C-alpha atoms as a PDB file:
ATOM      1  CA  UNK A   1       2.258  26.027  33.747  1.00  0.00           C
ATOM      2  CA  UNK A   2       2.058  24.532  37.238  1.00  0.00           C
ATOM      3  CA  UNK A   3       4.153  21.569  38.371  1.00  0.00           C
ATOM      4  CA  UNK A   4       0.963  19.536  38.591  1.00  0.00           C
ATOM      5  CA  UNK A   5      -0.003  20.115  34.952  1.00  0.00           C
ATOM      6  CA  UNK A   6       3.557  19.582  33.749  1.00  0.00           C
ATOM      7  CA  UNK A   7       3.682  16.151  35.351  1.00  0.00           C
ATOM      8  CA  UNK A   8       0.270  14.998  34.201  1.00  0.00           C
ATOM      9  CA  UNK A   9       0.111  12.041  31.789  1.00  0.00           C
ATOM     10  CA  UNK A  10      -2.670  10.351  29.866  1.00  0.00           C
ATOM     11  CA  UNK A  11      -4.871  11.703  27.081  1.00  0.00           C
ATOM     12  CA  UNK A  12      -3.617  15.101  25.952  1.00  0.00           C
ATOM     13  CA  UNK A  13      -6.078  17.919  25.228  1.00  0.00           C
ATOM     14  CA  UNK A  14      -7.223  18.214  21.636  1.00  0.00           C
ATOM     15  CA  UNK A  15      -9.091  16.270  18.980  1.00  0.00           C
ATOM     16  CA  UNK A  16      -9.361  12.511  18.802  1.00  0.00           C
ATOM     17  CA  UNK A  17      -6.721  12.490  16.013  1.00  0.00           C
ATOM     18  CA  UNK A  18      -4.009  12.094  18.683  1.00  0.00           C
ATOM     19  CA  UNK A  19      -3.966   8.338  18.029  1.00  0.00           C
ATOM     20  CA  UNK A  20      -3.350   8.937  14.328  1.00  0.00           C
ATOM     21  CA  UNK A  21      -0.600  11.435  15.122  1.00  0.00           C
ATOM     22  CA  UNK A  22       1.134   8.772  17.204  1.00  0.00           C
ATOM     23  CA  UNK A  23       0.764   6.225  14.391  1.00  0.00           C
ATOM     24  CA  UNK A  24       2.205   8.652  11.850  1.00  0.00           C
ATOM     25  CA  UNK A  25       5.183   9.332  14.093  1.00  0.00           C
ATOM     26  CA  UNK A  26       5.630   5.609  14.759  1.00  0.00           C
ATOM     27  CA  UNK A  27       5.622   4.724  11.050  1.00  0.00           C
ATOM     28  CA  UNK A  28       8.239   7.387  10.380  1.00  0.00           C
ATOM     29  CA  UNK A  29      10.456   6.108  13.202  1.00  0.00           C
ATOM     30  CA  UNK A  30      10.060   2.432  12.271  1.00  0.00           C
ATOM     31  CA  UNK A  31      10.768   3.278   8.623  1.00  0.00           C
ATOM     32  CA  UNK A  32      13.886   5.253   9.499  1.00  0.00           C
ATOM     33  CA  UNK A  33      15.318   3.061  12.246  1.00  0.00           C
ATOM     34  CA  UNK A  34      13.569  -0.312  12.086  1.00  0.00           C
ATOM     35  CA  UNK A  35      11.845  -1.936  15.029  1.00  0.00           C
ATOM     36  CA  UNK A  36      14.954  -2.202  17.199  1.00  0.00           C
ATOM     37  CA  UNK A  37      16.159   1.344  16.606  1.00  0.00           C
ATOM     38  CA  UNK A  38      12.837   3.104  17.140  1.00  0.00           C
ATOM     39  CA  UNK A  39      12.033   4.098  20.720  1.00  0.00           C
ATOM     40  CA  UNK A  40       8.779   5.054  22.394  1.00  0.00           C
ATOM     41  CA  UNK A  41      10.424   8.216  23.698  1.00  0.00           C
ATOM     42  CA  UNK A  42      11.426   9.314  20.193  1.00  0.00           C
ATOM     43  CA  UNK A  43       7.990   8.476  18.815  1.00  0.00           C
ATOM     44  CA  UNK A  44       6.292  10.372  21.641  1.00  0.00           C
ATOM     45  CA  UNK A  45       8.551  13.367  21.064  1.00  0.00           C
ATOM     46  CA  UNK A  46       7.791  13.403  17.358  1.00  0.00           C
ATOM     47  CA  UNK A  47       4.055  13.154  18.011  1.00  0.00           C
ATOM     48  CA  UNK A  48       4.195  15.775  20.761  1.00  0.00           C
ATOM     49  CA  UNK A  49       2.739  13.523  23.437  1.00  0.00           C
ATOM     50  CA  UNK A  50       3.799  11.987  26.719  1.00  0.00           C
ATOM     51  CA  UNK A  51       5.097   8.386  26.381  1.00  0.00           C
ATOM     52  CA  UNK A  52       2.371   7.345  28.801  1.00  0.00           C
ATOM     53  CA  UNK A  53      -0.200   8.240  26.168  1.00  0.00           C
ATOM     54  CA  UNK A  54       1.320   5.680  23.809  1.00  0.00           C
ATOM     55  CA  UNK A  55       0.845   3.015  26.477  1.00  0.00           C
ATOM     56  CA  UNK A  56      -2.710   4.238  26.963  1.00  0.00           C
ATOM     57  CA  UNK A  57      -3.557   3.652  23.299  1.00  0.00           C
ATOM     58  CA  UNK A  58      -1.309   0.724  22.350  1.00  0.00           C
ATOM     59  CA  UNK A  59      -0.017  -0.954  25.503  1.00  0.00           C
ATOM     60  CA  UNK A  60       3.651  -1.261  24.559  1.00  0.00           C
ATOM     61  CA  UNK A  61       6.088  -0.958  21.672  1.00  0.00           C
ATOM     62  CA  UNK A  62       4.963  -4.231  20.117  1.00  0.00           C
ATOM     63  CA  UNK A  63       1.329  -3.159  20.217  1.00  0.00           C
ATOM     64  CA  UNK A  64       2.207   0.161  18.620  1.00  0.00           C
ATOM     65  CA  UNK A  65       4.256  -1.586  15.951  1.00  0.00           C
ATOM     66  CA  UNK A  66       1.415  -3.965  15.110  1.00  0.00           C
ATOM     67  CA  UNK A  67      -1.027  -1.076  14.786  1.00  0.00           C
ATOM     68  CA  UNK A  68       1.391   0.939  12.662  1.00  0.00           C
ATOM     69  CA  UNK A  69       1.592  -1.852  10.066  1.00  0.00           C
ATOM     70  CA  UNK A  70      -2.160  -2.172   9.585  1.00  0.00           C
ATOM     71  CA  UNK A  71      -3.339  -1.308   6.077  1.00  0.00           C
ATOM     72  CA  UNK A  72      -6.670   0.398   5.350  1.00  0.00           C
ATOM     73  CA  UNK A  73      -9.346  -2.254   5.130  1.00  0.00           C
ATOM     74  CA  UNK A  74      -9.890  -1.845   1.392  1.00  0.00           C
ATOM     75  CA  UNK A  75      -6.198  -1.781   0.412  1.00  0.00           C
ATOM     76  CA  UNK A  76      -5.737  -5.525   0.051  1.00  0.00           C
ATOM     77  CA  UNK A  77      -9.022  -5.733  -1.804  1.00  0.00           C
ATOM     78  CA  UNK A  78      -7.465  -3.675  -4.574  1.00  0.00           C
ATOM     79  CA  UNK A  79      -4.700  -6.265  -4.962  1.00  0.00           C
ATOM     80  CA  UNK A  80      -7.148  -9.146  -4.922  1.00  0.00           C
ATOM     81  CA  UNK A  81      -9.215  -7.501  -7.665  1.00  0.00           C
ATOM     82  CA  UNK A  82      -6.432  -8.528 -10.047  1.00  0.00           C
ATOM     83  CA  UNK A  83      -8.484 -11.519 -11.189  1.00  0.00           C
ATOM     84  CA  UNK A  84     -11.598  -9.420 -11.862  1.00  0.00           C
ATOM     85  CA  UNK A  85     -10.067  -8.403 -15.182  1.00  0.00           C
ATOM     86  CA  UNK A  86      -9.198 -10.431 -18.293  1.00  0.00           C
ATOM     87  CA  UNK A  87      -6.773 -13.273 -17.675  1.00  0.00           C
ATOM     88  CA  UNK A  88      -4.164 -11.861 -20.023  1.00  0.00           C
ATOM     89  CA  UNK A  89      -4.072  -8.627 -17.978  1.00  0.00           C
ATOM     90  CA  UNK A  90      -3.436 -10.205 -14.572  1.00  0.00           C
ATOM     91  CA  UNK A  91       0.297  -9.433 -14.609  1.00  0.00           C
ATOM     92  CA  UNK A  92      -0.281  -5.766 -15.343  1.00  0.00           C
ATOM     93  CA  UNK A  93      -3.133  -5.481 -12.856  1.00  0.00           C
ATOM     94  CA  UNK A  94      -1.242  -7.152  -9.994  1.00  0.00           C
ATOM     95  CA  UNK A  95       1.926  -5.124 -10.562  1.00  0.00           C
ATOM     96  CA  UNK A  96       0.003  -1.856 -10.724  1.00  0.00           C
ATOM     97  CA  UNK A  97      -2.192  -2.614  -7.705  1.00  0.00           C
ATOM     98  CA  UNK A  98       0.758  -3.481  -5.461  1.00  0.00           C
ATOM     99  CA  UNK A  99       3.027  -0.624  -6.541  1.00  0.00           C
ATOM    100  CA  UNK A 100       0.199   1.857  -6.125  1.00  0.00           C
ATOM    101  CA  UNK A 101       0.026   0.869  -2.458  1.00  0.00           C
ATOM    102  CA  UNK A 102       3.473   2.456  -2.180  1.00  0.00           C
ATOM    103  CA  UNK A 103       2.373   5.614  -4.009  1.00  0.00           C
ATOM    104  CA  UNK A 104      -0.625   6.414  -1.793  1.00  0.00           C
ATOM    105  CA  UNK A 105       0.192   8.018   1.604  1.00  0.00           C
ATOM    106  CA  UNK A 106      -2.372   6.007   3.644  1.00  0.00           C
ATOM    107  CA  UNK A 107      -0.812   2.718   2.507  1.00  0.00           C
ATOM    108  CA  UNK A 108       2.781   3.765   1.766  1.00  0.00           C
ATOM    109  CA  UNK A 109       3.647   4.484   5.413  1.00  0.00           C
ATOM    110  CA  UNK A 110       2.637   1.097   6.862  1.00  0.00           C
ATOM    111  CA  UNK A 111       4.126  -0.750   3.863  1.00  0.00           C
ATOM    112  CA  UNK A 112       7.463   0.979   4.347  1.00  0.00           C
ATOM    113  CA  UNK A 113       7.455   0.433   8.109  1.00  0.00           C
ATOM    114  CA  UNK A 114       6.743  -3.268   7.641  1.00  0.00           C
ATOM    115  CA  UNK A 115       9.382  -3.860   4.965  1.00  0.00           C
ATOM    116  CA  UNK A 116      12.183  -1.863   6.615  1.00  0.00           C
ATOM    117  CA  UNK A 117      11.530  -3.461  10.000  1.00  0.00           C
ATOM    118  CA  UNK A 118      11.183  -6.972   8.549  1.00  0.00           C
ATOM    119  CA  UNK A 119      14.965  -7.346   8.373  1.00  0.00           C
ATOM    120  CA  UNK A 120      15.447  -6.750  12.084  1.00  0.00           C
ATOM    121  CA  UNK A 121      12.275  -8.035  13.694  1.00  0.00           C
ATOM    122  CA  UNK A 122      10.643 -11.445  13.399  1.00  0.00           C
ATOM    123  CA  UNK A 123       7.157 -10.058  13.948  1.00  0.00           C
ATOM    124  CA  UNK A 124       7.568  -7.695  11.009  1.00  0.00           C
ATOM    125  CA  UNK A 125       9.021 -10.488   8.885  1.00  0.00           C
ATOM    126  CA  UNK A 126       6.061 -12.697   9.775  1.00  0.00           C
ATOM    127  CA  UNK A 127       3.666  -9.879   8.903  1.00  0.00           C
ATOM    128  CA  UNK A 128       5.249  -9.399   5.490  1.00  0.00           C
ATOM    129  CA  UNK A 129       5.302 -13.148   4.901  1.00  0.00           C
ATOM    130  CA  UNK A 130       1.640 -13.346   5.900  1.00  0.00           C
ATOM    131  CA  UNK A 131       0.809 -10.660   3.356  1.00  0.00           C
ATOM    132  CA  UNK A 132       2.534 -12.628   0.610  1.00  0.00           C
ATOM    133  CA  UNK A 133       1.699 -16.197   1.563  1.00  0.00           C
ATOM    134  CA  UNK A 134      -1.695 -15.932   3.218  1.00  0.00           C
ATOM    135  CA  UNK A 135      -3.616 -12.839   2.242  1.00  0.00           C
ATOM    136  CA  UNK A 136      -2.562 -12.510  -1.391  1.00  0.00           C
ATOM    137  CA  UNK A 137      -1.990 -16.192  -2.073  1.00  0.00           C
ATOM    138  CA  UNK A 138      -5.254 -17.387  -0.565  1.00  0.00           C
ATOM    139  CA  UNK A 139      -7.174 -14.751  -2.477  1.00  0.00           C
ATOM    140  CA  UNK A 140      -5.619 -15.431  -5.872  1.00  0.00           C
ATOM    141  CA  UNK A 141      -4.839 -19.169  -5.719  1.00  0.00           C
ATOM    142  CA  UNK A 142      -8.320 -20.450  -6.725  1.00  0.00           C
ATOM    143  CA  UNK A 143      -8.036 -18.542  -9.996  1.00  0.00           C
ATOM    144  CA  UNK A 144      -4.558 -19.700 -11.006  1.00  0.00           C
ATOM    145  CA  UNK A 145      -3.589 -22.800 -13.032  1.00  0.00           C
ATOM    146  CA  UNK A 146      -3.508 -25.984 -10.968  1.00  0.00           C
ATOM    147  CA  UNK A 147       0.220 -26.651 -11.434  1.00  0.00           C
ATOM    148  CA  UNK A 148       1.772 -25.214  -8.258  1.00  0.00           C
ATOM    149  CA  UNK A 149      -0.284 -22.020  -7.768  1.00  0.00           C
ATOM    150  CA  UNK A 150       1.678 -21.283  -4.588  1.00  0.00           C
ATOM    151  CA  UNK A 151       4.919 -21.051  -6.550  1.00  0.00           C
ATOM    152  CA  UNK A 152       3.207 -18.873  -9.132  1.00  0.00           C
ATOM    153  CA  UNK A 153       1.951 -16.263  -6.703  1.00  0.00           C
ATOM    154  CA  UNK A 154       5.115 -16.379  -4.570  1.00  0.00           C
ATOM    155  CA  UNK A 155       7.379 -15.621  -7.541  1.00  0.00           C
ATOM    156  CA  UNK A 156       4.999 -12.977  -8.882  1.00  0.00           C
ATOM    157  CA  UNK A 157       4.596 -11.022  -5.664  1.00  0.00           C
ATOM    158  CA  UNK A 158       8.245 -11.252  -4.594  1.00  0.00           C
ATOM    159  CA  UNK A 159       9.272  -9.925  -8.011  1.00  0.00           C
ATOM    160  CA  UNK A 160       7.027  -6.914  -7.445  1.00  0.00           C
ATOM    161  CA  UNK A 161       8.168  -6.512  -3.826  1.00  0.00           C
ATOM    162  CA  UNK A 162      11.755  -6.360  -5.076  1.00  0.00           C
ATOM    163  CA  UNK A 163      10.870  -3.567  -7.502  1.00  0.00           C
ATOM    164  CA  UNK A 164       9.062  -1.715  -4.706  1.00  0.00           C
ATOM    165  CA  UNK A 165      12.095  -1.986  -2.413  1.00  0.00           C
ATOM    166  CA  UNK A 166      14.399  -0.702  -5.135  1.00  0.00           C
ATOM    167  CA  UNK A 167      12.129   2.242  -5.959  1.00  0.00           C
ATOM    168  CA  UNK A 168      10.771   3.318  -2.587  1.00  0.00           C
ATOM    169  CA  UNK A 169      13.355   2.194  -0.010  1.00  0.00           C
ATOM    170  CA  UNK A 170      16.755   1.844  -1.683  1.00  0.00           C
ATOM    171  CA  UNK A 171      15.878   4.672  -4.091  1.00  0.00           C
ATOM    172  CA  UNK A 172      17.803   3.121  -6.992  1.00  0.00           C
ATOM    173  CA  UNK A 173      17.976   6.008  -9.510  1.00  0.00           C
ATOM    174  CA  UNK A 174      16.622   4.300 -12.663  1.00  0.00           C
ATOM    175  CA  UNK A 175      13.656   2.924 -10.721  1.00  0.00           C
ATOM    176  CA  UNK A 176      12.957   6.315  -9.144  1.00  0.00           C
ATOM    177  CA  UNK A 177      13.375   8.287 -12.355  1.00  0.00           C
ATOM    178  CA  UNK A 178      10.883   6.244 -14.359  1.00  0.00           C
ATOM    179  CA  UNK A 179       7.150   6.550 -13.804  1.00  0.00           C
ATOM    180  CA  UNK A 180       5.020   3.893 -12.202  1.00  0.00           C
ATOM    181  CA  UNK A 181       3.434   3.288 -15.603  1.00  0.00           C
ATOM    182  CA  UNK A 182       6.874   2.657 -17.118  1.00  0.00           C
ATOM    183  CA  UNK A 183       7.758   0.125 -14.424  1.00  0.00           C
ATOM    184  CA  UNK A 184       4.431  -1.662 -14.702  1.00  0.00           C
ATOM    185  CA  UNK A 185       4.874  -1.948 -18.476  1.00  0.00           C
ATOM    186  CA  UNK A 186       8.384  -3.335 -17.947  1.00  0.00           C
ATOM    187  CA  UNK A 187       7.603  -6.015 -15.353  1.00  0.00           C
ATOM    188  CA  UNK A 188       4.036  -6.970 -16.316  1.00  0.00           C
ATOM    189  CA  UNK A 189       5.072  -9.618 -18.901  1.00  0.00           C
ATOM    190  CA  UNK A 190       7.242 -11.422 -16.339  1.00  0.00           C
ATOM    191  CA  UNK A 191       4.535 -11.276 -13.684  1.00  0.00           C
ATOM    192  CA  UNK A 192       2.002 -12.525 -16.236  1.00  0.00           C
ATOM    193  CA  UNK A 193       4.236 -15.491 -17.047  1.00  0.00           C
ATOM    194  CA  UNK A 194       4.588 -16.359 -13.370  1.00  0.00           C
ATOM    195  CA  UNK A 195       0.810 -16.317 -12.961  1.00  0.00           C
ATOM    196  CA  UNK A 196      -0.413 -18.067 -16.106  1.00  0.00           C
ATOM    197  CA  UNK A 197       2.506 -19.208 -18.257  1.00  0.00           C
ATOM    198  CA  UNK A 198       4.472 -22.468 -18.274  1.00  0.00           C
ATOM    199  CA  UNK A 199       6.548 -23.145 -15.180  1.00  0.00           C
ATOM    200  CA  UNK A 200       9.147 -25.076 -17.155  1.00  0.00           C
ATOM    201  CA  UNK A 201      10.237 -25.459 -20.806  1.00  0.00           C
ATOM    202  CA  UNK A 202       8.086 -28.587 -20.988  1.00  0.00           C
ATOM    203  CA  UNK A 203       4.950 -26.773 -19.848  1.00  0.00           C
ATOM    204  CA  UNK A 204       4.123 -25.333 -23.225  1.00  0.00           C
ATOM    205  CA  UNK A 205       0.499 -26.261 -22.915  1.00  0.00           C
ATOM    206  CA  UNK A 206      -0.321 -23.412 -20.536  1.00  0.00           C
ATOM    207  CA  UNK A 207      -2.297 -20.440 -21.826  1.00  0.00           C
ATOM    208  CA  UNK A 208      -0.090 -17.325 -21.690  1.00  0.00           C
END
């Protein structure tokens, strides 16, 4: 290899999947080290590209991080389809839809990168908060009982997020050892109560 070719930067030879290779490497680095710990040099090395190619595609580390957290366009739709089923199945449907995002490779990587990085980067925290408070809440709120629907969806989704963190990030043994079906069966009644049940002992008039 000549000195000229060794020093060349920009788009590397090969298929257009180079961008996806960079994103895969970035998600792995952000998941392992968080936003602060991940470096463009390490990501470039893992992807087998020159760091200049990352800047070509994404501009800078923040641009790469934002792109690495993007979910497939239909992923959130699966969560929002919770209310397409019978009302008394909403808890089970929401818990299953969200946890399955962590089981599928195309959605698991950005979910993990976002959650791990959220505790060391305000942008990641805002992204996770937006997922909970804006995307999910705005989609489900019109279907929930009128008494504080924001509290209902916030408690429901943070309950499920906690289970996801224990199973997929902290790797708590009982949560890892049991199947997704087992966990959904366990938490669905609580999630159902958050969504449709009484919010206080005096709210007995709500339909469970």
